């Protein structure tokens, strides 16, 4: 039985279990929350070392073959364009569907400590390099950057680096195999995460207040995942005269996307992206070692889209007036911009992004995002799902158009 079928069966079993189990005053949900958190930790367990060892070797090979700049020049604009198009169309969908205003009932909660550009840069370059590996388990960028630096060092000091290259290559292969088996045994993990997600929804007392917002996000998800992204892949590959199969793109992104929906964590999807990308002949092991880390950190098209739609709803809820043209384009630009500051927020990107956009907008709405706190888990789940589908699109286009061919 194929991997995607087994994982879908695991998720289906979790949905049934979450629907049938009694809530028991929240005790059942609390129990599942604990084991769901453990499941996410297991799924993220080898992401940092896998990225570190694999990216170092990949950068060395890409630079040696003269492909690194060409690859980077394709991936980075692809991230920006995919994010921009996703947010723009999401905003237009909002204007068309016009979800109902939400009553201004602010849930009590701690005001988020918002990141600023200087603190983000300090996190990328900690005073002690090893802090990047242990200090913040949500910030992959320092680890990836050090891997890139090592990759260049391997190239320019090849004679002295040969022993290190063998070690890094061996560890990359071993970790890739470990990831293969971890994904293989995630059937139980999918069941646990799906069960917890259903229990969350059942225990969500204010679901009617946000039902139209959730429905809009569901429509956006189907539109981008099933129609827009495969169509973009089909059109771009044919314009480049290197036609690809959009069905293969959809299949390769299906399981990572569901992993994102169930976990609400970008890093949890990484292992699934790496495995399905290779198995669907989308990206070989070393091809994904540079594209996937960059995309998982910065290609947050879904998170940006959810931020844009949610903040427009906040604006409508705090005012009896409709959203003006100026406000619409400001929200679009702010949502796109804030998404590139969320590399260190793999599991809370939507809420942190909303808080940042609210603070930038001002005008008494600095804490406006608090009215959406009850819906935060669902909003984050939709955001990560679309993020993952966008990563699949970028990886597929890059591999097809740039004709990435690495030995496995």
Protein backbone atom coordinates (compact mmCIF):
# COMPACT_ATOMS: atom_id res chain seq x y z
CA UNK A 1 0.00 0.00 0.00
CA UNK A 2 1.35 3.43 -0.97
CA UNK A 3 2.55 5.82 1.71
CA UNK A 4 -0.06 8.50 1.02
CA UNK A 5 -2.88 5.96 1.31
CA UNK A 6 -1.58 4.65 4.64
CA UNK A 7 -1.18 8.14 6.06
CA UNK A 8 -4.64 9.17 4.88
CA UNK A 9 -6.09 6.08 6.54
CA UNK A 10 -4.30 7.04 9.75
CA UNK A 11 -5.73 10.55 9.56
CA UNK A 12 -9.22 9.17 8.86
CA UNK A 13 -8.96 6.88 11.89
CA UNK A 14 -7.97 9.89 14.00
CA UNK A 15 -10.95 11.90 12.76
CA UNK A 16 -13.32 9.07 13.70
CA UNK A 17 -11.65 8.68 17.10
CA UNK A 18 -11.79 12.41 17.81
CA UNK A 19 -15.47 12.47 16.88
CA UNK A 20 -16.47 9.49 19.00
CA UNK A 21 -14.46 10.14 22.17
CA UNK A 22 -16.26 12.04 24.96
CA UNK A 23 -14.94 15.52 25.70
CA UNK A 24 -15.05 14.82 29.47
CA UNK A 25 -15.00 18.48 30.38
CA UNK A 26 -11.87 19.09 28.35
CA UNK A 27 -9.83 16.25 29.84
CA UNK A 28 -9.77 14.26 26.60
CA UNK A 29 -8.63 17.28 24.60
CA UNK A 30 -5.97 18.06 27.18
CA UNK A 31 -4.63 14.51 26.99
CA UNK A 32 -4.55 14.59 23.19
CA UNK A 33 -2.87 18.00 23.29
CA UNK A 34 0.04 16.48 25.17
CA UNK A 35 0.56 13.53 22.86
CA UNK A 36 -0.02 15.73 19.78
CA UNK A 37 2.79 18.01 20.99
CA UNK A 38 5.01 14.96 21.42
CA UNK A 39 4.14 13.81 17.89
CA UNK A 40 5.12 17.18 16.43
CA UNK A 41 8.42 17.09 18.34
CA UNK A 42 9.16 13.63 16.92
CA UNK A 43 8.36 14.85 13.41
CA UNK A 44 10.76 17.78 13.86
CA UNK A 45 13.39 15.72 15.70
CA UNK A 46 16.00 15.48 12.92
CA UNK A 47 15.08 18.52 10.83
CA UNK A 48 17.95 20.72 12.03
CA UNK A 49 20.75 18.14 11.60
CA UNK A 50 19.24 16.96 8.29
CA UNK A 51 19.25 20.52 6.95
CA UNK A 52 22.73 21.24 8.29
CA UNK A 53 24.57 18.26 6.82
CA UNK A 54 22.59 18.05 3.59
CA UNK A 55 22.68 21.78 2.79
CA UNK A 56 26.47 21.93 3.31
CA UNK A 57 27.03 19.19 0.73
CA UNK A 58 24.42 20.61 -1.65
CA UNK A 59 25.93 24.11 -1.60
CA UNK A 60 29.38 22.63 -2.23
CA UNK A 61 28.13 20.66 -5.26
CA UNK A 62 25.98 23.48 -6.65
CA UNK A 63 28.83 25.98 -6.48
CA UNK A 64 31.27 23.49 -7.98
CA UNK A 65 28.89 22.88 -10.90
CA UNK A 66 28.14 26.60 -11.35
CA UNK A 67 24.41 26.23 -10.54
CA UNK A 68 24.08 27.92 -7.17
CA UNK A 69 23.52 31.50 -8.37
CA UNK A 70 21.14 30.41 -11.11
CA UNK A 71 19.15 28.32 -8.66
CA UNK A 72 18.99 31.09 -6.05
CA UNK A 73 17.99 33.64 -8.69
CA UNK A 74 15.02 31.45 -9.55
CA UNK A 75 13.91 30.39 -6.06
CA UNK A 76 13.95 33.77 -4.31
CA UNK A 77 11.81 35.62 -6.90
CA UNK A 78 9.57 32.55 -6.98
CA UNK A 79 8.97 32.89 -3.25
CA UNK A 80 8.10 36.59 -3.58
CA UNK A 81 5.85 36.14 -6.62
CA UNK A 82 3.96 33.14 -5.25
CA UNK A 83 3.37 34.97 -1.96
CA UNK A 84 2.23 38.12 -3.72
CA UNK A 85 -0.21 36.34 -6.05
CA UNK A 86 -1.64 34.20 -3.25
CA UNK A 87 -2.25 37.20 -0.98
CA UNK A 88 -3.71 39.34 -3.77
CA UNK A 89 -6.20 36.69 -4.88
CA UNK A 90 -7.09 35.93 -1.25
CA UNK A 91 -7.89 39.60 -0.72
CA UNK A 92 -10.08 39.63 -3.82
CA UNK A 93 -11.91 36.54 -2.57
CA UNK A 94 -12.54 38.37 0.70
CA UNK A 95 -14.07 41.33 -1.12
CA UNK A 96 -16.29 38.97 -3.13
CA UNK A 97 -17.53 36.83 -0.25
CA UNK A 98 -17.60 39.55 2.45
CA UNK A 99 -17.73 37.38 5.62
CA UNK A 100 -19.87 38.77 8.42
CA UNK A 101 -18.37 41.04 11.04
CA UNK A 102 -17.25 39.49 14.33
CA UNK A 103 -18.56 40.94 17.62
CA UNK A 104 -15.83 42.78 19.50
CA UNK A 105 -15.38 40.24 22.29
CA UNK A 106 -11.72 40.16 23.19
CA UNK A 107 -10.43 36.97 24.72
CA UNK A 108 -8.05 37.48 27.62
CA UNK A 109 -4.49 36.59 26.74
CA UNK A 110 -0.93 37.76 26.97
CA UNK A 111 0.13 40.48 24.56
CA UNK A 112 2.68 38.93 22.21
CA UNK A 113 6.30 40.00 22.29
CA UNK A 114 6.72 41.13 18.69
CA UNK A 115 9.98 40.54 16.79
CA UNK A 116 11.84 43.45 15.23
CA UNK A 117 14.39 43.35 12.37
CA UNK A 118 17.38 44.00 14.65
CA UNK A 119 16.50 41.17 17.05
CA UNK A 120 15.95 38.86 14.07
CA UNK A 121 19.43 39.69 12.74
CA UNK A 122 20.93 39.13 16.17
CA UNK A 123 19.27 35.71 16.18
CA UNK A 124 20.84 34.87 12.83
CA UNK A 125 24.28 35.81 14.16
CA UNK A 126 24.36 34.80 17.84
CA UNK A 127 27.41 35.63 19.92
CA UNK A 128 28.15 31.92 20.12
CA UNK A 129 27.60 29.93 16.93
CA UNK A 130 26.48 26.83 18.83
CA UNK A 131 23.58 28.81 20.30
CA UNK A 132 22.02 28.63 16.86
CA UNK A 133 21.67 24.87 17.32
CA UNK A 134 20.33 24.80 20.86
CA UNK A 135 18.99 28.18 21.95
CA UNK A 136 15.88 28.46 19.75
CA UNK A 137 14.35 25.31 18.30
CA UNK A 138 12.07 27.45 16.11
CA UNK A 139 14.79 29.35 14.25
CA UNK A 140 16.29 27.30 11.43
CA UNK A 141 17.95 30.22 9.63
CA UNK A 142 21.19 30.36 11.69
CA UNK A 143 21.74 26.63 11.13
CA UNK A 144 21.06 26.91 7.40
CA UNK A 145 23.31 29.96 7.05
CA UNK A 146 26.20 28.18 8.74
CA UNK A 147 25.65 25.21 6.42
CA UNK A 148 25.92 27.55 3.42
CA UNK A 149 29.15 29.05 4.78
CA UNK A 150 30.60 25.58 5.28
CA UNK A 151 29.59 24.61 1.76
CA UNK A 152 31.62 27.50 0.36
CA UNK A 153 34.52 26.64 2.67
CA UNK A 154 34.49 23.04 1.42
CA UNK A 155 34.82 24.32 -2.14
CA UNK A 156 37.67 26.77 -1.56
CA UNK A 157 39.62 24.41 0.69
CA UNK A 158 38.81 21.16 -1.04
CA UNK A 159 42.18 19.52 -0.39
CA UNK A 160 41.79 19.92 3.36
CA UNK A 161 38.03 19.36 3.32
CA UNK A 162 37.97 15.89 1.74
CA UNK A 163 37.64 14.02 5.07
CA UNK A 164 34.89 16.42 6.21
CA UNK A 165 33.07 16.04 2.91
CA UNK A 166 32.96 12.28 3.36
CA UNK A 167 31.62 12.66 6.90
CA UNK A 168 28.97 15.22 5.92
CA UNK A 169 27.90 13.19 2.91
CA UNK A 170 27.60 10.03 4.99
CA UNK A 171 25.61 11.79 7.72
CA UNK A 172 23.36 13.39 5.13
CA UNK A 173 22.57 9.98 3.65
CA UNK A 174 22.04 8.38 7.05
CA UNK A 175 19.73 11.18 8.23
CA UNK A 176 17.83 11.03 4.97
CA UNK A 177 17.24 7.33 5.61
CA UNK A 178 16.22 8.02 9.23
CA UNK A 179 13.73 10.59 7.95
CA UNK A 180 12.41 7.98 5.50
CA UNK A 181 11.51 5.62 8.34
CA UNK A 182 10.18 8.38 10.59
CA UNK A 183 7.73 9.39 7.88
CA UNK A 184 6.91 5.72 7.32
CA UNK A 185 5.82 5.30 10.94
CA UNK A 186 3.85 8.56 11.11
CA UNK A 187 0.58 6.70 10.52
CA UNK A 188 -0.02 6.74 14.27
CA UNK A 189 1.13 10.35 14.40
CA UNK A 190 -1.43 11.36 11.79
CA UNK A 191 -4.13 9.58 13.77
CA UNK A 192 -3.15 11.43 16.96
CA UNK A 193 -2.96 14.83 15.28
CA UNK A 194 -6.24 14.35 13.41
CA UNK A 195 -7.96 13.23 16.60
CA UNK A 196 -6.67 16.28 18.48
CA UNK A 197 -7.74 18.62 15.67
CA UNK A 198 -11.29 17.21 15.72
CA UNK A 199 -11.43 17.50 19.52
CA UNK A 200 -10.31 21.13 19.21
CA UNK A 201 -13.13 21.87 16.81
CA UNK A 202 -15.69 20.05 18.98
CA UNK A 203 -14.58 21.98 22.05
CA UNK A 204 -14.60 25.30 20.21
CA UNK A 205 -17.65 27.07 21.60
CA UNK A 206 -17.50 30.11 19.29
CA UNK A 207 -17.38 28.25 16.00
CA UNK A 208 -20.49 30.03 14.67
CA UNK A 209 -18.83 33.44 15.09
CA UNK A 210 -16.00 32.42 12.77
CA UNK A 211 -17.87 30.00 10.50
CA UNK A 212 -17.85 32.31 7.47
CA UNK A 213 -14.15 33.05 7.92
CA UNK A 214 -13.40 29.33 8.11
CA UNK A 215 -15.56 28.69 5.05
CA UNK A 216 -13.69 31.37 3.09
CA UNK A 217 -10.34 29.85 4.07
CA UNK A 218 -11.58 26.40 3.01
CA UNK A 219 -12.61 27.81 -0.38
CA UNK A 220 -9.21 29.49 -0.76
CA UNK A 221 -7.44 26.25 0.13
CA UNK A 222 -9.30 24.26 -2.53
CA UNK A 223 -8.82 27.02 -5.09
CA UNK A 224 -5.06 27.30 -4.66
CA UNK A 225 -4.21 23.66 -3.93
CA UNK A 226 -6.39 22.03 -6.59
CA UNK A 227 -6.77 24.72 -9.28
CA UNK A 228 -4.41 27.71 -9.12
CA UNK A 229 -1.08 26.11 -8.17
CA UNK A 230 -1.35 23.12 -10.56
CA UNK A 231 -2.47 25.52 -13.31
CA UNK A 232 0.50 27.81 -12.66
CA UNK A 233 2.83 24.80 -12.76
CA UNK A 234 1.29 23.60 -16.03
CA UNK A 235 1.45 27.05 -17.67
CA UNK A 236 4.95 28.05 -16.56
CA UNK A 237 6.55 24.72 -17.51
CA UNK A 238 4.98 24.93 -20.97
CA UNK A 239 6.02 28.53 -21.48
CA UNK A 240 9.55 27.41 -20.57
CA UNK A 241 9.13 24.51 -23.04
CA UNK A 242 9.78 21.99 -20.29
CA UNK A 243 6.25 20.64 -19.67
CA UNK A 244 5.58 18.94 -16.37
CA UNK A 245 2.71 16.93 -14.95
CA UNK A 246 0.61 19.03 -12.54
CA UNK A 247 -0.92 15.83 -11.14
CA UNK A 248 2.52 14.75 -9.91
CA UNK A 249 2.89 18.15 -8.21
CA UNK A 250 -0.48 17.75 -6.49
CA UNK A 251 0.27 14.21 -5.30
CA UNK A 252 3.73 15.13 -4.00
CA UNK A 253 2.27 18.05 -2.01
CA UNK A 254 -0.80 16.20 -0.69
CA UNK A 255 0.71 14.44 2.32
CA UNK A 256 2.99 17.35 3.38
CA UNK A 257 -0.04 19.64 3.08
CA UNK A 258 -2.17 17.40 5.29
CA UNK A 259 0.75 17.21 7.74
CA UNK A 260 0.70 21.01 7.86
CA UNK A 261 -3.07 21.13 8.36
CA UNK A 262 -3.00 18.63 11.21
CA UNK A 263 0.12 19.94 12.98
CA UNK A 264 0.00 23.67 12.25
CA UNK A 265 3.81 23.60 12.15
CA UNK A 266 5.96 24.39 9.09
CA UNK A 267 8.97 22.42 10.30
CA UNK A 268 6.86 19.32 10.87
CA UNK A 269 6.14 19.25 7.13
CA UNK A 270 9.83 19.29 6.19
CA UNK A 271 10.46 15.55 6.44
CA UNK A 272 7.35 14.82 4.38
CA UNK A 273 8.39 17.32 1.69
CA UNK A 274 11.86 15.77 1.44
CA UNK A 275 10.57 12.22 1.11
CA UNK A 276 7.61 12.80 -1.20
CA UNK A 277 9.62 15.19 -3.35
CA UNK A 278 12.15 12.49 -4.08
CA UNK A 279 9.66 9.65 -4.45
CA UNK A 280 7.56 11.60 -6.95
CA UNK A 281 10.73 12.48 -8.92
CA UNK A 282 10.15 16.13 -8.06
CA UNK A 283 13.46 16.77 -6.31
CA UNK A 284 16.31 14.40 -5.50
CA UNK A 285 17.87 14.39 -2.05
CA UNK A 286 20.47 17.09 -2.62
CA UNK A 287 18.24 19.19 -4.83
CA UNK A 288 15.82 19.64 -1.96
CA UNK A 289 18.59 20.32 0.56
CA UNK A 290 18.76 23.98 -0.49
CA UNK A 291 15.31 24.63 -1.97
CA UNK A 292 13.20 23.16 0.83
CA UNK A 293 14.89 24.95 3.78
CA UNK A 294 14.68 28.33 2.05
CA UNK A 295 11.08 27.75 1.03
CA UNK A 296 9.90 26.36 4.38
CA UNK A 297 11.35 29.40 6.15
CA UNK A 298 10.31 32.17 3.75
CA UNK A 299 7.63 30.89 1.33
CA UNK A 300 4.74 31.59 3.69
CA UNK A 301 2.17 32.40 1.04
CA UNK A 302 -0.60 30.69 3.01
CA UNK A 303 0.27 32.39 6.28
CA UNK A 304 0.36 35.76 4.51
CA UNK A 305 -3.01 35.06 2.86
CA UNK A 306 -4.64 34.14 6.18
CA UNK A 307 -3.14 37.26 7.78
CA UNK A 308 -4.54 39.45 4.99
CA UNK A 309 -8.03 37.94 5.11
CA UNK A 310 -8.11 37.98 8.92
CA UNK A 311 -6.95 41.58 9.22
CA UNK A 312 -9.52 42.72 6.66
CA UNK A 313 -12.15 41.04 8.82
CA UNK A 314 -10.74 42.87 11.86
CA UNK A 315 -11.04 46.19 9.98
CA UNK A 316 -14.66 45.43 9.04
CA UNK A 317 -15.49 44.34 12.59
CA UNK A 318 -14.17 47.55 14.14
CA UNK A 319 -15.90 49.81 11.63
CA UNK A 320 -19.33 50.06 10.01
CA UNK A 321 -17.64 51.20 6.79
CA UNK A 322 -16.43 48.93 4.05
CA UNK A 323 -12.73 48.49 3.30
CA UNK A 324 -11.40 51.28 1.08
CA UNK A 325 -9.06 50.74 -1.88
CA UNK A 326 -6.19 52.27 0.07
CA UNK A 327 -6.80 49.99 3.04
CA UNK A 328 -7.05 46.95 0.76
CA UNK A 329 -3.66 47.50 -0.87
CA UNK A 330 -2.06 48.46 2.45
CA UNK A 331 -3.19 45.17 3.98
CA UNK A 332 -1.96 43.24 0.93
CA UNK A 333 1.49 44.89 1.08
CA UNK A 334 1.77 44.56 4.88
CA UNK A 335 0.77 40.88 4.82
CA UNK A 336 3.33 40.09 2.14
CA UNK A 337 6.05 42.00 3.96
CA UNK A 338 5.37 40.52 7.38
CA UNK A 339 5.51 36.96 6.03
CA UNK A 340 9.25 37.34 5.41
CA UNK A 341 9.79 38.15 9.10
CA UNK A 342 8.24 34.90 10.31
CA UNK A 343 11.05 32.42 9.59
CA UNK A 344 11.37 31.82 13.33
CA UNK A 345 7.63 31.27 13.88
CA UNK A 346 6.87 27.84 12.38
CA UNK A 347 3.87 27.20 14.61
CA UNK A 348 2.51 30.66 15.42
CA UNK A 349 3.12 32.60 12.21
CA UNK A 350 -0.45 33.75 11.61
CA UNK A 351 -0.97 35.19 15.10
CA UNK A 352 2.46 36.83 15.33
CA UNK A 353 1.99 38.23 11.83
CA UNK A 354 -1.47 39.55 12.71
CA UNK A 355 -0.09 41.19 15.84
CA UNK A 356 2.66 42.86 13.81
CA UNK A 357 0.25 44.11 11.12
CA UNK A 358 -2.11 45.40 13.84
CA UNK A 359 0.74 47.31 15.50
CA UNK A 360 1.87 48.76 12.16
CA UNK A 361 -1.66 49.86 11.29
CA UNK A 362 -2.24 51.58 14.64
CA UNK A 363 -5.34 53.78 14.84
CA UNK A 364 -6.51 51.98 17.97
CA UNK A 365 -6.22 48.52 16.45
CA UNK A 366 -2.89 47.58 18.03
CA UNK A 367 -4.66 44.81 19.95
CA UNK A 368 -7.34 44.13 17.35
CA UNK A 369 -5.94 40.70 16.60
CA UNK A 370 -7.12 39.55 20.05
CA UNK A 371 -10.67 39.07 18.78
CA UNK A 372 -9.35 36.22 16.61
CA UNK A 373 -7.39 34.45 19.37
CA UNK A 374 -10.12 31.81 19.91
CA UNK A 375 -9.78 30.83 16.25
CA UNK A 376 -5.96 30.87 16.26
CA UNK A 377 -5.35 27.08 15.96
CA UNK A 378 -7.63 26.80 12.92
CA UNK A 379 -6.20 29.91 11.26
CA UNK A 380 -2.66 28.64 11.79
CA UNK A 381 -3.58 25.22 10.38
CA UNK A 382 -5.00 26.72 7.17
CA UNK A 383 -1.94 28.96 6.85
CA UNK A 384 0.57 26.11 7.17
CA UNK A 385 -1.42 23.95 4.74
CA UNK A 386 -1.25 26.62 2.03
CA UNK A 387 2.39 27.40 2.91
CA UNK A 388 3.26 23.78 2.22
CA UNK A 389 1.39 23.69 -1.09
CA UNK A 390 3.27 26.85 -2.15
CA UNK A 391 6.59 25.22 -1.19
CA UNK A 392 5.66 22.25 -3.37
CA UNK A 393 4.92 24.60 -6.29
CA UNK A 394 8.25 26.42 -5.94
CA UNK A 395 10.20 23.18 -5.62
CA UNK A 396 8.44 21.62 -8.60
CA UNK A 397 8.98 24.63 -10.87
CA UNK A 398 12.61 24.96 -9.83
CA UNK A 399 13.40 21.32 -10.42
CA UNK A 400 11.63 21.28 -13.78
CA UNK A 401 12.83 24.54 -15.27
CA UNK A 402 16.34 24.53 -13.83
CA UNK A 403 16.68 20.82 -14.71
CA UNK A 404 18.23 19.88 -11.39
CA UNK A 405 19.97 16.57 -11.64
CA UNK A 406 21.98 15.28 -8.72
CA UNK A 407 23.21 11.88 -7.86
CA UNK A 408 21.09 10.52 -5.06
